Structure formats: structure tokens, C-alpha cells
Amino acid sequence: MSCLINAGIDRGCRDNAGGMYTLYLTNYPTGITSMSDYAGEDVNEIITDFSGITGWYEFTPNKISSDFTETYQVSLENGTVGYEQKINAIFSKMTGEKRLQIRSLTAGNFLAIVKDKNGKFWLCGAEDGINVSGGSAMTGKALSDLNGYTLEFTAMEGQPASEVDEDAISLL
């Protein structure tokens, strides 16, 4: 990768939407050394296919409650760049079944794909996996308060989240 720029970024149209629709998770594959071991990319570094990964699971959080944020961790002193990827997801209604699933989530290491409100898909934890880093279960106080779970997933990566082609998602 060159550190010389070769294009700009225009303002674009006002046809953008914030938010997150869906979270897809799979167990982080064992025995890999880089993303190229399980994902194919096109010339724009958009993931076009996954190989050898099965068992993606769909998690649908509450509407207008969840998000994905990627923070650039830049150190001028050390000459390093990293990318902290965080997914916050909120799920309603405390149940024994959800409790068991969350217990498994807190112990695991995953790959995550986020579908944003623009219909774009983003792969998180591509090189080192993503883990549950916090969360809570709550009953709420008032009738309209959340009775349910909040989960925070965090990954520290050497590259920013890759866009995933919609056709690759349809094969999951």
C-alpha cells in the first residue's frame, strides 16, 4: 500500500442514513494467518466471497438502538496506525434463552458483519477477531425502559473494516 494519495473525496449527495440494521456473527476461523486465508477481494478491496466459513448467525437488534464505530488510533510519535472497531447492540426482553446465548458470546472470538442503514455491509475483526468487551442486562425502572441486554463488541485491527459485497452475503 502506498502512502501517497491519488484521489480526493467529494461531498456527494445527501442520500445517506445513519444506523445499523443487522449483525452477523460466526466463530473466528482457526488456523488462519490473514484475511486472504478465508476471504476474496476485488481491486477496490471489497470482499467478494468467503471460503471455508460456515455457520453465520443473524442478530437483529432493536430499531434505532445500535451502531458500529471505527476509531483511528494514530500515533505520530511511534509512526503507527490502528483501527478500533466497536459494535453496540441492544436486544429487548430478558429471557433464559438469550442469557445462555450471551454467555457463549462473552466467551467467544468472532468475525462480525454489520449491515448499515445504507445497505452496506462491513467486516469487523478480520485479522484478530472481535469479542464482547462489555454489556449489561437490565429490567428497567419505568414501563417504557429497556428490559433486555446491551452488548459491546470490540476489535483492534491493523486495517479498517472492509466493505463486503452483497452477493457474498447472500451466500452465507
Protein backbone atom coordinates (compact mmCIF):
# COMPACT_ATOMS: atom_id res chain seq x y z
CA MET A 1 0.00 0.00 0.00
CA SER A 2 1.32 3.40 -0.95
CA CYS A 3 1.09 6.31 1.44
CA LEU A 4 0.71 8.75 -1.47
CA ILE A 5 -2.85 9.88 -2.22
CA ASN A 6 -4.15 9.58 -5.78
CA ALA A 7 -7.74 10.87 -5.47
CA GLY A 8 -9.90 13.17 -3.39
CA ILE A 9 -13.23 12.71 -1.61
CA ASP A 10 -16.19 14.75 -2.83
CA ARG A 11 -19.11 15.86 -0.70
CA GLY A 12 -21.59 13.64 -2.51
CA CYS A 13 -25.36 13.71 -2.32
CA ARG A 14 -27.46 13.91 0.82
CA ASP A 15 -28.72 10.35 0.43
CA ASN A 16 -27.02 8.91 3.49
CA ALA A 17 -28.59 7.30 6.57
CA GLY A 18 -27.14 6.55 9.99
CA GLY A 19 -27.74 3.42 11.98
CA MET A 20 -27.45 -0.33 11.82
CA TYR A 21 -29.94 -2.99 10.72
CA THR A 22 -28.33 -6.35 11.35
CA LEU A 23 -25.31 -8.03 12.89
CA TYR A 24 -23.98 -11.32 11.52
CA LEU A 25 -21.54 -13.35 13.61
CA THR A 26 -19.53 -16.50 13.01
CA ASN A 27 -16.89 -18.21 15.10
CA TYR A 28 -13.45 -16.91 14.24
CA PRO A 29 -11.80 -19.48 11.97
CA THR A 30 -8.86 -21.34 13.45
CA GLY A 31 -5.53 -21.79 11.74
CA ILE A 32 -5.62 -18.60 9.65
CA THR A 33 -2.79 -16.14 9.32
CA SER A 34 -4.53 -13.39 7.34
CA MET A 35 -7.88 -12.43 5.89
CA SER A 36 -6.80 -13.75 2.50
CA ASP A 37 -6.98 -17.26 4.02
CA TYR A 38 -10.79 -17.04 4.08
CA ALA A 39 -11.93 -14.03 2.02
CA GLY A 40 -11.51 -12.95 -1.60
CA GLU A 41 -11.35 -9.26 -2.60
CA ASP A 42 -11.77 -7.27 -5.80
CA VAL A 43 -9.46 -4.42 -6.95
CA ASN A 44 -11.25 -1.97 -4.61
CA GLU A 45 -10.62 -4.27 -1.63
CA ILE A 46 -14.33 -5.11 -1.38
CA ILE A 47 -14.82 -8.66 -0.12
CA THR A 48 -16.48 -10.74 -2.83
CA ASP A 49 -16.56 -14.19 -1.23
CA PHE A 50 -15.82 -16.20 1.88
CA SER A 51 -14.29 -19.67 1.73
CA GLY A 52 -14.34 -22.34 4.39
CA ILE A 53 -16.53 -20.36 6.78
CA THR A 54 -19.93 -21.75 7.69
CA GLY A 55 -22.41 -21.02 10.42
CA TRP A 56 -23.07 -17.28 10.18
CA TYR A 57 -25.80 -16.28 12.66
CA GLU A 58 -28.06 -13.25 12.31
CA PHE A 59 -28.67 -10.97 15.28
CA THR A 60 -31.32 -8.29 14.84
CA PRO A 61 -31.08 -5.55 17.47
CA ASN A 62 -33.83 -3.11 18.40
CA LYS A 63 -34.61 -0.40 15.88
CA ILE A 64 -32.61 2.86 16.14
CA SER A 65 -30.65 1.45 19.09
CA SER A 66 -27.40 0.04 17.76
CA ASP A 67 -24.31 1.25 15.93
CA PHE A 68 -20.86 0.50 14.54
CA THR A 69 -17.99 2.93 15.10
CA GLU A 70 -14.43 2.68 13.87
CA THR A 71 -11.90 4.93 15.61
CA TYR A 72 -8.50 5.62 14.06
CA GLN A 73 -5.71 5.09 16.59
CA VAL A 74 -2.87 7.19 15.14
CA SER A 75 0.46 7.73 16.91
CA LEU A 76 2.71 10.32 15.27
CA GLU A 77 5.41 9.62 17.85
CA ASN A 78 5.53 5.89 17.05
CA GLY A 79 4.59 6.06 13.38
CA THR A 80 1.73 3.58 13.87
CA VAL A 81 -1.93 3.36 12.89
CA GLY A 82 -4.56 1.01 14.26
CA TYR A 83 -8.33 0.77 13.97
CA GLU A 84 -10.59 0.19 16.95
CA GLN A 85 -13.90 -1.28 15.80
CA LYS A 86 -16.86 -1.16 18.18
CA ILE A 87 -20.35 -2.54 17.72
CA ASN A 88 -23.04 -1.68 20.26
CA ALA A 89 -26.15 -3.85 20.03
CA ILE A 90 -29.32 -3.75 22.13
CA PHE A 91 -31.76 -6.64 22.38
CA SER A 92 -35.13 -6.45 24.16
CA LYS A 93 -36.64 -8.77 26.71
CA MET A 94 -34.59 -10.74 29.19
CA THR A 95 -35.05 -14.50 28.75
CA GLY A 96 -33.22 -17.63 29.79
CA GLU A 97 -32.55 -18.50 26.14
CA LYS A 98 -30.93 -15.11 25.43
CA ARG A 99 -28.96 -15.34 28.67
CA LEU A 100 -27.38 -18.62 27.52
CA GLN A 101 -26.56 -17.20 24.09
CA ILE A 102 -24.98 -14.09 25.64
CA ARG A 103 -22.92 -16.30 27.95
CA SER A 104 -21.50 -18.03 24.85
CA LEU A 105 -20.92 -14.68 23.14
CA THR A 106 -18.89 -13.35 26.09
CA ALA A 107 -16.54 -16.36 25.91
CA GLY A 108 -16.03 -16.47 22.13
CA ASN A 109 -13.95 -14.87 19.40
CA PHE A 110 -15.81 -13.94 16.20
CA LEU A 111 -15.92 -12.38 12.79
CA ALA A 112 -18.72 -9.82 12.52
CA ILE A 113 -20.52 -8.26 9.59
CA VAL A 114 -22.61 -5.15 10.17
CA LYS A 115 -25.36 -4.13 7.74
CA ASP A 116 -25.80 -0.37 7.93
CA LYS A 117 -28.88 1.68 7.05
CA ASN A 118 -27.42 2.42 3.60
CA GLY A 119 -27.49 -1.28 2.74
CA LYS A 120 -23.69 -1.59 3.00
CA PHE A 121 -22.01 -4.48 4.79
CA TRP A 122 -18.78 -4.11 6.83
CA LEU A 123 -16.48 -6.88 8.10
CA CYS A 124 -15.14 -6.33 11.62
CA GLY A 125 -12.41 -8.32 13.37
CA ALA A 126 -10.97 -9.59 10.09
CA GLU A 127 -7.43 -10.26 11.27
CA ASP A 128 -7.69 -10.81 15.04
CA GLY A 129 -11.39 -11.38 15.68
CA ILE A 130 -13.92 -9.36 17.62
CA ASN A 131 -15.01 -10.05 21.18
CA VAL A 132 -17.67 -8.95 23.62
CA SER A 133 -15.90 -6.30 25.70
CA GLY A 134 -18.81 -5.21 27.88
CA GLY A 135 -22.53 -5.03 28.26
CA SER A 136 -25.35 -5.35 30.72
CA ALA A 137 -28.68 -6.96 31.44
CA MET A 138 -31.39 -4.75 32.87
CA THR A 139 -35.04 -4.79 33.86
CA GLY A 140 -35.50 -1.03 33.62
CA LYS A 141 -37.49 1.09 36.06
CA ALA A 142 -40.28 2.78 34.12
CA LEU A 143 -42.74 0.94 31.89
CA SER A 144 -41.04 2.26 28.73
CA ASP A 145 -37.46 1.45 29.88
CA LEU A 146 -35.38 -1.27 28.28
CA ASN A 147 -35.89 -4.73 29.65
CA GLY A 148 -33.12 -6.57 27.87
CA TYR A 149 -29.45 -6.68 27.04
CA THR A 150 -26.77 -4.34 25.75
CA LEU A 151 -23.63 -5.84 24.23
CA GLU A 152 -20.44 -4.09 23.17
CA PHE A 153 -18.10 -5.87 20.77
CA THR A 154 -14.55 -4.56 20.26
CA ALA A 155 -11.77 -5.39 17.79
CA MET A 156 -8.32 -3.85 17.40
CA GLU A 157 -7.20 -4.22 13.79
CA GLY A 158 -4.30 -3.18 11.60
CA GLN A 159 -6.64 -2.34 8.71
CA PRO A 160 -10.00 -0.54 8.60
CA ALA A 161 -13.22 -2.55 8.25
CA SER A 162 -13.63 -3.93 4.73
CA GLU A 163 -16.80 -3.49 2.73
CA VAL A 164 -18.47 -6.80 1.87
CA ASP A 165 -20.27 -7.22 -1.46
CA GLU A 166 -23.98 -8.00 -1.08
CA ASP A 167 -23.57 -11.10 -3.27
CA ALA A 168 -21.08 -12.52 -0.74
CA ILE A 169 -23.70 -12.01 1.99
CA SER A 170 -26.37 -13.88 0.03
CA LEU A 171 -24.08 -16.94 0.05
CA LEU A 172 -23.75 -17.00 3.85
